Amino acid sequence: MITAYTTDVEFHSGRTRSAPLTWGQEMIWDLIRDRDDTRTYAVLTRWMPIPLLLSVGDVLESLGELLRRHEALRTMYHPTATGDGVQEVLGSGTLPVEMFDRPADDPTDYTSIITDCLVRASEAGFDHEKELPIRFSVILQDGIPILLAFAVSHLSADFTSAELLVAELGAMLQARADGRGWPPPRQARQPADLAAMEARPEGQLRNVEAARFIRQQLARAHPDMLPARATPATPRFFRGQLESSAVAVAVGPAARRYRTSTSVLLLAVTSALMRCVTRARACPIDLMLSNRADPALAGTVCNLSQGILTVIDLTPDSFAGLVARCAEITAEARKYGWHRKRVVQGILDTAGADRGCQFNDIWSQLPGRPSRPSATVTELRAMTGSTSFSWPEQAPEKGKDVFMGVRGTAERMHLSLFADTALLPPGDIRAFLDTFERTAIELAYADVPLEQIAGWFAEASARYAHLNDGADPR
């Protein structure tokens, strides 16, 4: 029988302070305050193995050190009289940690225990005024730590931050297992310091420049860029997810061939496929950025994600030309993406531009992502045998007409497409992701004409047309 109990982790830093929210924190604060469906969205969950032969004390001390290093993990959030938020960083305190001790002869598998921890944490959400924004669960076997799970509030961490925490905590635990001291913390600006920077005149100038850039993009956009193509399904929005080891291997060589980053390469593939959907000369795409180009922010645990409206020109007659356009617009987005969303939201609302597409590449930001060994195109094609596809979510309404997300691990990329079925019927969602994988594989070793990509999409669309008959595709 599993024994469940709670113990406390102590943390001491000596610095207590209050500060306004950063622009990234404020964006999530407004979402949580104004929407009823953000409970799960506002909690990020991860799990990881614990190196063998560590004691419970080793694990708890490492968790305390992690809290000491990152102020965002020991911050409470309070509303002001105007409904805004303020962050309160605690200098010391305790954090309860769930412990689940499973005897060796218990039939419950570890997957069930981890899943229960993560689901329970997601559903519970956080009371940001009364509790710290992170929860840990340790799974033991006969008193020996085996697995660690954590849930962190999106107010305190974006997806890159969550991966940073996994990498840092893993390195700390491994160091203890090897009999070494913890690795030194990475240089990282704390959220309260970032909020102070944003409040200075140079921060206000960023907002002015971002507003100007967005107005320029709106001047290039028009309402019929994303016309309806079919009768929508019920519920209207479907999310398809393709998990591919082949794409995780292929995008590095493909990006090197075009002398660009993997993120630009992935955006270019997405844009090539949007050409098949819109038949327009340009496509509005809200680019989600981590804003970690500044070395002082590379290791920061905070919500730094920020989207900015762009319009990508789809008129190039080659994939190389499309890559060049995507590189240009990505560079501009990085220049203007760090801004306060409240400042520009009125501009977007007036223009009715809060729909359209969104692209979020988290995979390229994975910390410590190792270089992959090369593979021939034949080997890459063979790897598609392990590719899996699922329909993890359906919803009556979403904030964007098309959302393309790229996540996963260094070894296996998760391509997620959440789309309005009036624009992309279920069969075309599946065709989009299948063609994405096929295109990325071929690009690793050869140029692919844009007409060829369109042909592959048409073939896949016909193959999956039966998914458009109104039945639940799952």
Protein backbone atom coordinates (compact mmCIF):
# COMPACT_ATOMS: atom_id res chain seq x y z
CA MET A 1 0.00 0.00 0.00
CA ILE A 2 1.33 3.45 -0.94
CA THR A 3 2.06 5.73 2.00
CA ALA A 4 1.40 9.41 1.34
CA TYR A 5 2.69 12.15 3.61
CA THR A 6 3.94 15.73 3.47
CA THR A 7 7.27 17.19 4.51
CA ASP A 8 8.63 20.71 4.35
CA VAL A 9 11.51 22.23 2.38
CA GLU A 10 13.18 25.28 3.89
CA PHE A 11 14.65 28.10 1.82
CA HIS A 12 16.73 31.08 2.91
CA SER A 13 17.92 33.94 0.72
CA GLY A 14 17.89 36.97 2.96
CA ARG A 15 16.19 39.22 0.40
CA THR A 16 12.53 40.17 0.69
CA ARG A 17 11.04 42.72 -1.72
CA SER A 18 7.95 43.75 -3.64
CA ALA A 19 7.72 44.92 -7.23
CA PRO A 20 5.20 45.48 -10.03
CA LEU A 21 4.59 42.61 -12.40
CA THR A 22 6.81 42.22 -15.42
CA TRP A 23 5.11 42.62 -18.79
CA GLY A 24 5.13 38.86 -19.26
CA GLN A 25 3.64 38.25 -15.81
CA GLU A 26 1.02 40.93 -16.41
CA MET A 27 -0.09 39.19 -19.62
CA ILE A 28 -0.81 35.96 -17.70
CA TRP A 29 -2.33 37.90 -14.78
CA ASP A 30 -4.85 39.48 -17.15
CA LEU A 31 -5.70 36.10 -18.70
CA ILE A 32 -6.29 34.48 -15.32
CA ARG A 33 -8.33 37.44 -14.11
CA ASP A 34 -10.50 37.83 -17.21
CA ARG A 35 -11.10 34.26 -18.38
CA ASP A 36 -12.73 31.23 -16.80
CA ASP A 37 -10.97 28.53 -18.85
CA THR A 38 -7.36 29.23 -17.87
CA ARG A 39 -7.01 26.96 -14.84
CA THR A 40 -5.16 24.21 -16.71
CA TYR A 41 -3.45 26.63 -19.07
CA ALA A 42 -2.04 28.57 -16.12
CA VAL A 43 -0.19 25.55 -14.66
CA LEU A 44 2.87 23.92 -16.26
CA THR A 45 3.78 20.38 -15.19
CA ARG A 46 6.96 18.33 -15.60
CA TRP A 47 8.44 15.12 -14.21
CA MET A 48 11.94 13.64 -14.12
CA PRO A 49 13.85 10.63 -12.74
CA ILE A 50 15.97 10.97 -9.62
CA PRO A 51 19.48 9.48 -9.78
CA LEU A 52 19.78 6.31 -7.74
CA LEU A 53 21.28 6.23 -4.26
CA LEU A 54 20.21 9.73 -3.29
CA SER A 55 18.59 10.17 0.10
CA VAL A 56 15.38 12.07 0.78
CA GLY A 57 17.54 14.71 2.46
CA ASP A 58 19.64 15.14 -0.69
CA VAL A 59 16.52 15.72 -2.75
CA LEU A 60 14.93 18.16 -0.32
CA GLU A 61 18.14 20.17 0.05
CA SER A 62 18.38 20.45 -3.73
CA LEU A 63 14.79 21.71 -3.91
CA GLY A 64 15.57 24.32 -1.26
CA GLU A 65 18.61 25.47 -3.24
CA LEU A 66 16.48 25.74 -6.40
CA LEU A 67 14.06 28.01 -4.53
CA ARG A 68 16.95 30.13 -3.27
CA ARG A 69 18.32 30.62 -6.79
CA HIS A 70 15.07 31.67 -8.46
CA GLU A 71 12.98 34.42 -6.90
CA ALA A 72 10.04 33.58 -9.18
CA LEU A 73 9.59 30.30 -7.29
CA ARG A 74 9.26 32.03 -3.91
CA THR A 75 6.94 34.82 -5.00
CA MET A 76 3.35 35.48 -4.03
CA TYR A 77 1.07 37.65 -6.15
CA HIS A 78 -1.46 40.12 -4.76
CA PRO A 79 -4.14 42.22 -6.46
CA THR A 80 -4.13 45.97 -6.03
CA ALA A 81 -7.18 48.19 -5.62
CA THR A 82 -7.21 48.73 -9.40
CA GLY A 83 -7.15 45.01 -10.22
CA ASP A 84 -3.50 45.01 -11.23
CA GLY A 85 -1.00 42.68 -9.62
CA VAL A 86 2.10 43.09 -7.48
CA GLN A 87 4.72 40.43 -6.74
CA GLU A 88 6.06 39.79 -3.24
CA VAL A 89 9.37 37.92 -3.08
CA LEU A 90 9.89 35.98 0.17
CA GLY A 91 13.36 35.95 1.67
CA SER A 92 12.82 32.73 3.61
CA GLY A 93 10.13 30.23 4.39
CA THR A 94 8.99 26.66 3.86
CA LEU A 95 7.31 24.80 1.03
CA PRO A 96 5.30 21.60 1.60
CA VAL A 97 6.39 18.65 -0.56
CA GLU A 98 4.17 15.64 -1.27
CA MET A 99 5.82 12.26 -0.68
CA PHE A 100 4.45 8.98 -2.04
CA ASP A 101 6.26 5.87 -0.81
CA ARG A 102 5.46 2.75 -2.86
CA PRO A 103 6.52 -0.65 -1.50
CA ALA A 104 8.31 -2.86 -4.00
CA ASP A 105 5.45 -5.38 -3.96
CA ASP A 106 2.71 -2.79 -4.61
CA PRO A 107 1.06 -3.38 -8.02
CA THR A 108 0.55 0.34 -8.77
CA ASP A 109 2.86 1.38 -11.61
CA TYR A 110 4.86 4.58 -11.45
CA THR A 111 3.14 6.02 -14.51
CA SER A 112 -0.19 6.05 -12.67
CA ILE A 113 1.34 7.74 -9.62
CA ILE A 114 3.06 10.45 -11.70
CA THR A 115 -0.03 11.02 -13.82
CA ASP A 116 -2.21 11.41 -10.73
CA CYS A 117 0.22 13.98 -9.29
CA LEU A 118 0.33 16.05 -12.47
CA VAL A 119 -3.42 15.95 -13.11
CA ARG A 120 -4.23 16.84 -9.52
CA ALA A 121 -1.79 19.77 -9.60
CA SER A 122 -3.19 21.07 -12.90
CA GLU A 123 -6.78 20.89 -11.74
CA ALA A 124 -6.07 22.51 -8.38
CA GLY A 125 -4.47 25.65 -9.79
CA PHE A 126 -2.77 28.07 -7.39
CA ASP A 127 -3.99 30.52 -4.80
CA HIS A 128 -1.30 33.08 -5.58
CA GLU A 129 -2.02 35.23 -2.53
CA LYS A 130 -1.53 32.40 -0.05
CA GLU A 131 0.88 29.87 -1.54
CA LEU A 132 4.10 29.73 -3.48
CA PRO A 133 3.74 29.17 -7.24
CA ILE A 134 5.36 25.73 -7.36
CA ARG A 135 4.53 22.28 -5.96
CA PHE A 136 6.80 19.26 -5.80
CA SER A 137 5.89 15.58 -5.50
CA VAL A 138 8.51 12.92 -4.76
CA ILE A 139 7.81 9.27 -5.52
CA LEU A 140 9.80 6.75 -3.49
CA GLN A 141 10.20 2.99 -3.42
CA ASP A 142 10.68 1.69 0.09
CA GLY A 143 12.02 5.06 1.19
CA ILE A 144 14.36 5.57 -1.80
CA PRO A 145 13.55 8.59 -4.06
CA ILE A 146 12.82 7.42 -7.62
CA LEU A 147 10.86 10.14 -9.43
CA LEU A 148 10.14 13.84 -9.04
CA ALA A 149 7.18 15.80 -10.41
CA PHE A 150 6.49 19.50 -10.17
CA ALA A 151 3.78 21.96 -11.17
CA VAL A 152 4.59 25.65 -11.56
CA SER A 153 2.29 28.60 -12.15
CA HIS A 154 2.48 30.26 -15.56
CA LEU A 155 2.72 33.55 -13.65
CA SER A 156 6.18 32.50 -12.53
CA ALA A 157 7.41 30.46 -15.49
CA ASP A 158 6.94 30.11 -19.22
CA PHE A 159 7.58 26.84 -21.06
CA THR A 160 11.28 27.55 -21.51
CA SER A 161 11.56 28.28 -17.79
CA ALA A 162 10.01 24.90 -17.00
CA GLU A 163 12.63 23.18 -19.15
CA LEU A 164 15.36 25.25 -17.49
CA LEU A 165 14.15 24.03 -14.10
CA VAL A 166 14.22 20.40 -15.27
CA ALA A 167 17.75 20.77 -16.63
CA GLU A 168 19.08 22.64 -13.58
CA LEU A 169 17.47 20.37 -11.02
CA GLY A 170 18.62 17.29 -12.92
CA ALA A 171 22.20 18.59 -12.91
CA MET A 172 22.02 19.38 -9.19
CA LEU A 173 20.72 15.92 -8.28
CA GLN A 174 23.29 14.19 -10.50
CA ALA A 175 26.07 16.20 -8.88
CA ARG A 176 24.92 15.02 -5.46
CA ALA A 177 24.79 11.42 -6.71
CA ASP A 178 28.36 11.78 -8.00
CA GLY A 179 29.58 13.18 -4.70
CA ARG A 180 30.17 16.66 -6.12
CA GLY A 181 28.86 20.05 -5.09
CA TRP A 182 25.98 21.63 -6.93
CA PRO A 183 26.92 23.29 -10.23
CA PRO A 184 26.96 27.09 -9.89
CA PRO A 185 23.77 28.92 -10.87
CA ARG A 186 23.59 30.45 -14.32
CA GLN A 187 23.66 34.22 -14.55
CA ALA A 188 20.01 35.23 -14.62
CA ARG A 189 18.13 38.46 -14.08
CA GLN A 190 15.39 38.13 -11.46
CA PRO A 191 11.79 39.15 -12.30
CA ALA A 192 11.71 42.10 -9.89
CA ASP A 193 14.85 43.50 -11.51
CA LEU A 194 13.31 42.98 -14.94
CA ALA A 195 10.17 44.86 -13.86
CA ALA A 196 12.34 47.80 -12.76
CA MET A 197 14.05 47.86 -16.18
CA GLU A 198 10.70 47.83 -17.98
CA ALA A 199 9.51 50.83 -15.97
CA ARG A 200 12.44 53.00 -17.06
CA PRO A 201 12.28 55.35 -20.10
CA GLU A 202 13.96 52.77 -22.33
CA GLY A 203 11.13 50.39 -21.47
CA GLN A 204 8.53 52.95 -22.50
CA LEU A 205 10.42 53.48 -25.75
CA ARG A 206 10.11 49.77 -26.46
CA ASN A 207 6.33 50.11 -26.21
CA VAL A 208 6.27 53.05 -28.63
CA GLU A 209 8.37 51.15 -31.17
CA ALA A 210 6.29 48.00 -30.80
CA ALA A 211 3.07 49.95 -31.40
CA ARG A 212 4.58 51.48 -34.52
CA PHE A 213 5.66 48.06 -35.81
CA ILE A 214 2.20 46.57 -35.19
CA ARG A 215 0.53 49.44 -37.08
CA GLN A 216 2.85 48.74 -40.01
CA GLN A 217 1.83 45.07 -39.98
CA LEU A 218 -1.86 45.92 -39.78
CA ALA A 219 -1.48 48.10 -42.87
CA ARG A 220 -0.36 44.97 -44.74
CA ALA A 221 -3.16 42.74 -43.43
CA HIS A 222 -6.71 42.46 -44.71
CA PRO A 223 -9.78 40.50 -43.50
CA ASP A 224 -9.92 37.88 -46.28
CA MET A 225 -6.44 36.48 -45.70
CA LEU A 226 -7.95 33.49 -43.90
CA PRO A 227 -11.26 32.73 -45.64
CA ALA A 228 -13.56 29.94 -44.49
CA ARG A 229 -13.19 26.80 -46.61
CA ALA A 230 -15.72 24.38 -45.11
CA THR A 231 -18.70 24.00 -42.81
CA PRO A 232 -17.24 23.91 -39.29
CA ALA A 233 -17.40 20.81 -37.14
CA THR A 234 -18.89 20.62 -33.66
CA PRO A 235 -17.09 21.60 -31.49
CA ARG A 236 -15.55 24.05 -33.93
CA PHE A 237 -11.84 23.91 -33.01
CA PHE A 238 -9.77 20.70 -33.22
CA ARG A 239 -6.18 20.10 -32.14
CA GLY A 240 -4.14 17.46 -33.89
CA GLN A 241 -0.73 16.42 -32.57
CA LEU A 242 1.99 14.59 -34.49
CA GLU A 243 4.98 13.24 -32.54
CA SER A 244 8.00 12.63 -34.74
CA SER A 245 11.56 11.55 -34.07
CA ALA A 246 12.37 12.08 -37.75
CA VAL A 247 11.61 15.82 -37.67
CA ALA A 248 13.71 16.25 -34.51
CA VAL A 249 16.69 14.84 -36.44
CA ALA A 250 15.95 16.50 -39.80
CA VAL A 251 15.47 20.16 -38.83
CA GLY A 252 19.08 20.70 -37.76
CA PRO A 253 20.62 19.66 -41.11
CA ALA A 254 17.81 21.44 -42.97
CA ALA A 255 18.47 24.69 -41.09
CA ARG A 256 22.21 24.41 -41.75
CA ARG A 257 21.56 23.93 -45.47
CA TYR A 258 19.69 27.24 -45.53
CA ARG A 259 22.11 28.91 -43.10
CA THR A 260 19.37 29.78 -40.66
CA SER A 261 18.06 28.75 -37.26
CA THR A 262 15.82 25.77 -36.61
CA SER A 263 13.10 28.16 -35.47
CA VAL A 264 13.14 30.07 -38.77
CA LEU A 265 13.19 26.78 -40.68
CA LEU A 266 10.12 25.54 -38.78
CA LEU A 267 8.34 28.85 -39.39
CA ALA A 268 9.16 28.63 -43.09
CA VAL A 269 7.65 25.12 -43.32
CA THR A 270 4.56 26.40 -41.52
CA SER A 271 4.35 29.34 -43.95
CA ALA A 272 4.75 27.04 -46.97
CA LEU A 273 1.77 25.03 -45.74
CA MET A 274 -0.27 28.17 -45.02
CA ARG A 275 0.18 28.97 -48.73
CA CYS A 276 -1.85 25.82 -49.38
CA VAL A 277 -4.59 27.01 -47.04
CA THR A 278 -4.95 30.73 -47.71
CA ARG A 279 -4.01 31.16 -51.38
CA ALA A 280 -3.29 34.73 -50.28
CA ARG A 281 -0.16 36.77 -50.94
CA ALA A 282 0.56 37.18 -47.23
CA CYS A 283 -0.47 35.65 -43.92
CA PRO A 284 -0.83 37.31 -40.50
CA ILE A 285 1.09 35.28 -37.91
CA ASP A 286 1.44 36.20 -34.26
CA LEU A 287 4.98 35.11 -33.36
CA MET A 288 5.47 33.95 -29.78
CA LEU A 289 8.98 34.79 -28.62
CA SER A 290 10.96 33.89 -25.54
CA ASN A 291 12.85 37.22 -25.50
CA ARG A 292 15.97 35.45 -24.23
CA ALA A 293 18.42 36.89 -26.74
CA ASP A 294 19.86 39.02 -23.92
CA PRO A 295 22.45 36.76 -22.16
CA ALA A 296 21.25 38.09 -18.80
CA LEU A 297 17.82 36.59 -19.51
CA ALA A 298 18.93 33.26 -20.98
CA GLY A 299 18.69 31.49 -17.62
CA THR A 300 15.89 33.58 -16.12
CA VAL A 301 12.96 31.69 -14.64
CA CYS A 302 10.02 33.99 -15.35
CA ASN A 303 7.23 34.34 -17.87
CA LEU A 304 9.08 36.04 -20.72
CA SER A 305 6.94 34.80 -23.61
CA GLN A 306 5.48 37.57 -25.70
CA GLY A 307 3.63 37.50 -28.99
CA ILE A 308 3.72 40.20 -31.64
CA LEU A 309 1.71 40.49 -34.82
CA THR A 310 3.63 39.96 -38.06
CA VAL A 311 2.56 39.52 -41.66
CA ILE A 312 4.65 37.01 -43.61
CA ASP A 313 4.97 37.49 -47.36
CA LEU A 314 4.02 34.25 -49.13
CA THR A 315 4.94 35.37 -52.65
CA PRO A 316 8.52 33.99 -52.95
CA ASP A 317 8.79 31.41 -55.72
CA SER A 318 11.17 29.11 -53.83
CA PHE A 319 11.51 27.67 -50.35
CA ALA A 320 14.84 29.46 -49.98
CA GLY A 321 13.06 32.74 -50.66
CA LEU A 322 10.44 31.91 -48.05
CA VAL A 323 13.19 31.15 -45.52
CA ALA A 324 14.72 34.57 -46.21
CA ARG A 325 11.37 36.31 -45.62
CA CYS A 326 10.78 34.35 -42.40
CA ALA A 327 14.29 35.22 -41.17
CA GLU A 328 13.63 38.91 -41.78
CA ILE A 329 10.29 38.97 -40.00
CA THR A 330 11.63 36.88 -37.09
CA ALA A 331 14.48 39.36 -36.59
CA GLU A 332 11.98 42.23 -36.55
CA ALA A 333 9.70 40.38 -34.15
CA ARG A 334 12.58 39.78 -31.76
CA LYS A 335 13.45 43.47 -31.92
CA TYR A 336 9.92 44.64 -31.08
CA GLY A 337 8.42 41.62 -29.30
CA TRP A 338 9.47 42.64 -25.79
CA HIS A 339 6.72 45.12 -24.94
CA ARG A 340 3.72 45.62 -22.69
CA LYS A 341 0.71 43.96 -24.27
CA ARG A 342 -1.75 46.32 -22.58
CA VAL A 343 -0.20 49.21 -24.54
CA VAL A 344 -0.86 47.60 -27.94
CA GLN A 345 -4.04 45.65 -27.17
CA GLY A 346 -6.25 48.63 -28.01
CA ILE A 347 -4.63 48.87 -31.45
CA LEU A 348 -5.31 45.19 -32.11
CA ASP A 349 -8.87 45.37 -30.79
CA THR A 350 -9.71 48.36 -32.97
CA ALA A 351 -8.37 46.56 -36.04
CA GLY A 352 -10.11 43.28 -35.14
CA ALA A 353 -6.73 41.58 -35.39
CA ASP A 354 -6.87 39.31 -32.38
CA ARG A 355 -7.67 36.28 -34.55
CA GLY A 356 -5.43 35.01 -37.35
CA CYS A 357 -2.53 32.60 -36.78
CA GLN A 358 -0.03 32.07 -34.02
CA PHE A 359 3.31 30.27 -34.13
CA ASN A 360 5.14 29.17 -30.99
CA ASP A 361 8.41 27.25 -31.27
CA ILE A 362 9.45 26.04 -27.83
CA TRP A 363 11.46 23.08 -29.13
CA SER A 364 14.30 25.23 -30.48
CA GLN A 365 14.69 26.83 -27.05
CA LEU A 366 15.24 23.57 -25.14
CA PRO A 367 18.23 24.10 -22.81
CA GLY A 368 21.24 21.94 -23.53
CA ARG A 369 19.68 20.43 -26.64
CA PRO A 370 22.45 18.14 -27.94
CA SER A 371 23.45 17.98 -31.60
CA ARG A 372 21.95 14.92 -33.21
CA PRO A 373 23.94 12.39 -35.23
CA SER A 374 23.37 12.69 -38.95
CA ALA A 375 21.03 10.31 -40.76
CA THR A 376 20.52 9.61 -44.42
CA VAL A 377 17.25 10.56 -46.03
CA THR A 378 16.43 6.84 -46.23
CA GLU A 379 16.99 6.50 -42.49
CA LEU A 380 14.87 9.57 -41.82
CA ARG A 381 12.03 8.18 -43.90
CA ALA A 382 12.29 4.89 -42.01
CA MET A 383 12.01 6.76 -38.71
CA THR A 384 8.48 7.83 -39.63
CA GLY A 385 7.43 4.31 -38.68
CA SER A 386 7.53 5.46 -35.06
CA THR A 387 5.55 8.65 -35.74
CA SER A 388 2.28 8.88 -33.84
CA PHE A 389 -0.79 11.07 -34.29
CA SER A 390 -3.56 11.95 -31.86
CA TRP A 391 -6.48 14.34 -31.33
CA PRO A 392 -5.79 15.55 -27.76
CA GLU A 393 -8.29 18.42 -27.62
CA GLN A 394 -11.45 19.93 -29.08
CA ALA A 395 -13.06 23.21 -28.07
CA PRO A 396 -16.00 25.42 -29.14
CA GLU A 397 -13.82 28.56 -29.19
CA LYS A 398 -10.14 29.54 -29.18
CA GLY A 399 -8.34 32.85 -29.28
CA LYS A 400 -6.76 32.22 -32.69
CA ASP A 401 -7.99 30.68 -35.94
CA VAL A 402 -4.79 28.65 -36.31
CA PHE A 403 -2.22 27.87 -33.63
CA MET A 404 0.95 26.00 -34.58
CA GLY A 405 2.99 24.88 -31.58
CA VAL A 406 6.32 23.03 -31.62
CA ARG A 407 7.33 21.30 -28.39
CA GLY A 408 8.64 17.94 -27.23
CA THR A 409 12.08 16.65 -26.32
CA ALA A 410 15.43 16.77 -28.05
CA GLU A 411 14.76 13.28 -29.38
CA ARG A 412 11.09 13.61 -30.34
CA MET A 413 9.34 16.70 -31.64
CA HIS A 414 5.65 17.36 -30.95
CA LEU A 415 3.90 19.30 -33.72
CA SER A 416 0.57 20.64 -32.50
CA LEU A 417 -1.98 22.30 -34.78
CA PHE A 418 -5.12 23.80 -33.18
CA ALA A 419 -7.38 25.16 -35.92
CA ASP A 420 -10.84 26.42 -36.77
CA THR A 421 -12.43 23.60 -38.77
CA ALA A 422 -14.13 26.19 -40.99
CA LEU A 423 -10.64 27.04 -42.23
CA LEU A 424 -8.95 23.65 -41.80
CA PRO A 425 -11.34 20.67 -41.62
CA PRO A 426 -10.11 17.76 -39.46
CA GLY A 427 -8.76 15.93 -42.50
CA ASP A 428 -6.71 18.98 -43.51
CA ILE A 429 -5.34 19.36 -39.98
CA ARG A 430 -4.01 15.81 -40.26
CA ALA A 431 -2.78 16.49 -43.80
CA PHE A 432 -1.01 19.69 -42.66
CA LEU A 433 0.98 17.86 -39.97
CA ASP A 434 1.79 14.84 -42.15
CA THR A 435 3.04 17.12 -44.90
CA PHE A 436 5.05 19.12 -42.36
CA GLU A 437 6.95 15.97 -41.40
CA ARG A 438 7.47 14.90 -45.00
CA THR A 439 8.73 18.36 -46.00
CA ALA A 440 11.16 18.65 -43.08
CA ILE A 441 12.69 15.26 -43.89
CA GLU A 442 13.25 16.07 -47.56
CA LEU A 443 14.63 19.54 -46.80
CA ALA A 444 17.45 17.98 -44.78
CA TYR A 445 19.09 16.86 -48.03
CA ALA A 446 17.52 18.71 -50.96
CA ASP A 447 15.58 21.78 -51.97
CA VAL A 448 11.84 21.19 -52.25
CA PRO A 449 9.79 23.29 -54.69
CA LEU A 450 6.83 25.02 -53.11
CA GLU A 451 4.61 23.39 -55.75
CA GLN A 452 5.79 19.99 -54.51
CA ILE A 453 4.78 20.83 -50.95
CA ALA A 454 1.36 21.91 -52.23
CA GLY A 455 1.07 18.62 -54.10
CA TRP A 456 1.93 16.60 -51.00
CA PHE A 457 -0.66 18.53 -49.00
CA ALA A 458 -3.33 17.90 -51.65
CA GLU A 459 -2.54 14.17 -51.66
CA ALA A 460 -2.74 13.96 -47.86
CA SER A 461 -5.92 16.05 -47.79
CA ALA A 462 -7.60 13.57 -50.16
CA ARG A 463 -6.31 10.65 -48.08
CA TYR A 464 -7.84 12.00 -44.88
CA ALA A 465 -11.03 13.46 -46.38
CA HIS A 466 -13.07 10.82 -44.52
CA LEU A 467 -12.27 12.67 -41.27
CA ASN A 468 -14.49 15.53 -42.44
CA ASP A 469 -17.76 13.57 -42.29
CA GLY A 470 -18.72 14.94 -38.88
CA ALA A 471 -17.76 11.90 -36.83
CA ASP A 472 -15.39 12.24 -33.88
CA PRO A 473 -11.97 11.57 -35.47
CA ARG A 474 -10.74 9.95 -32.29
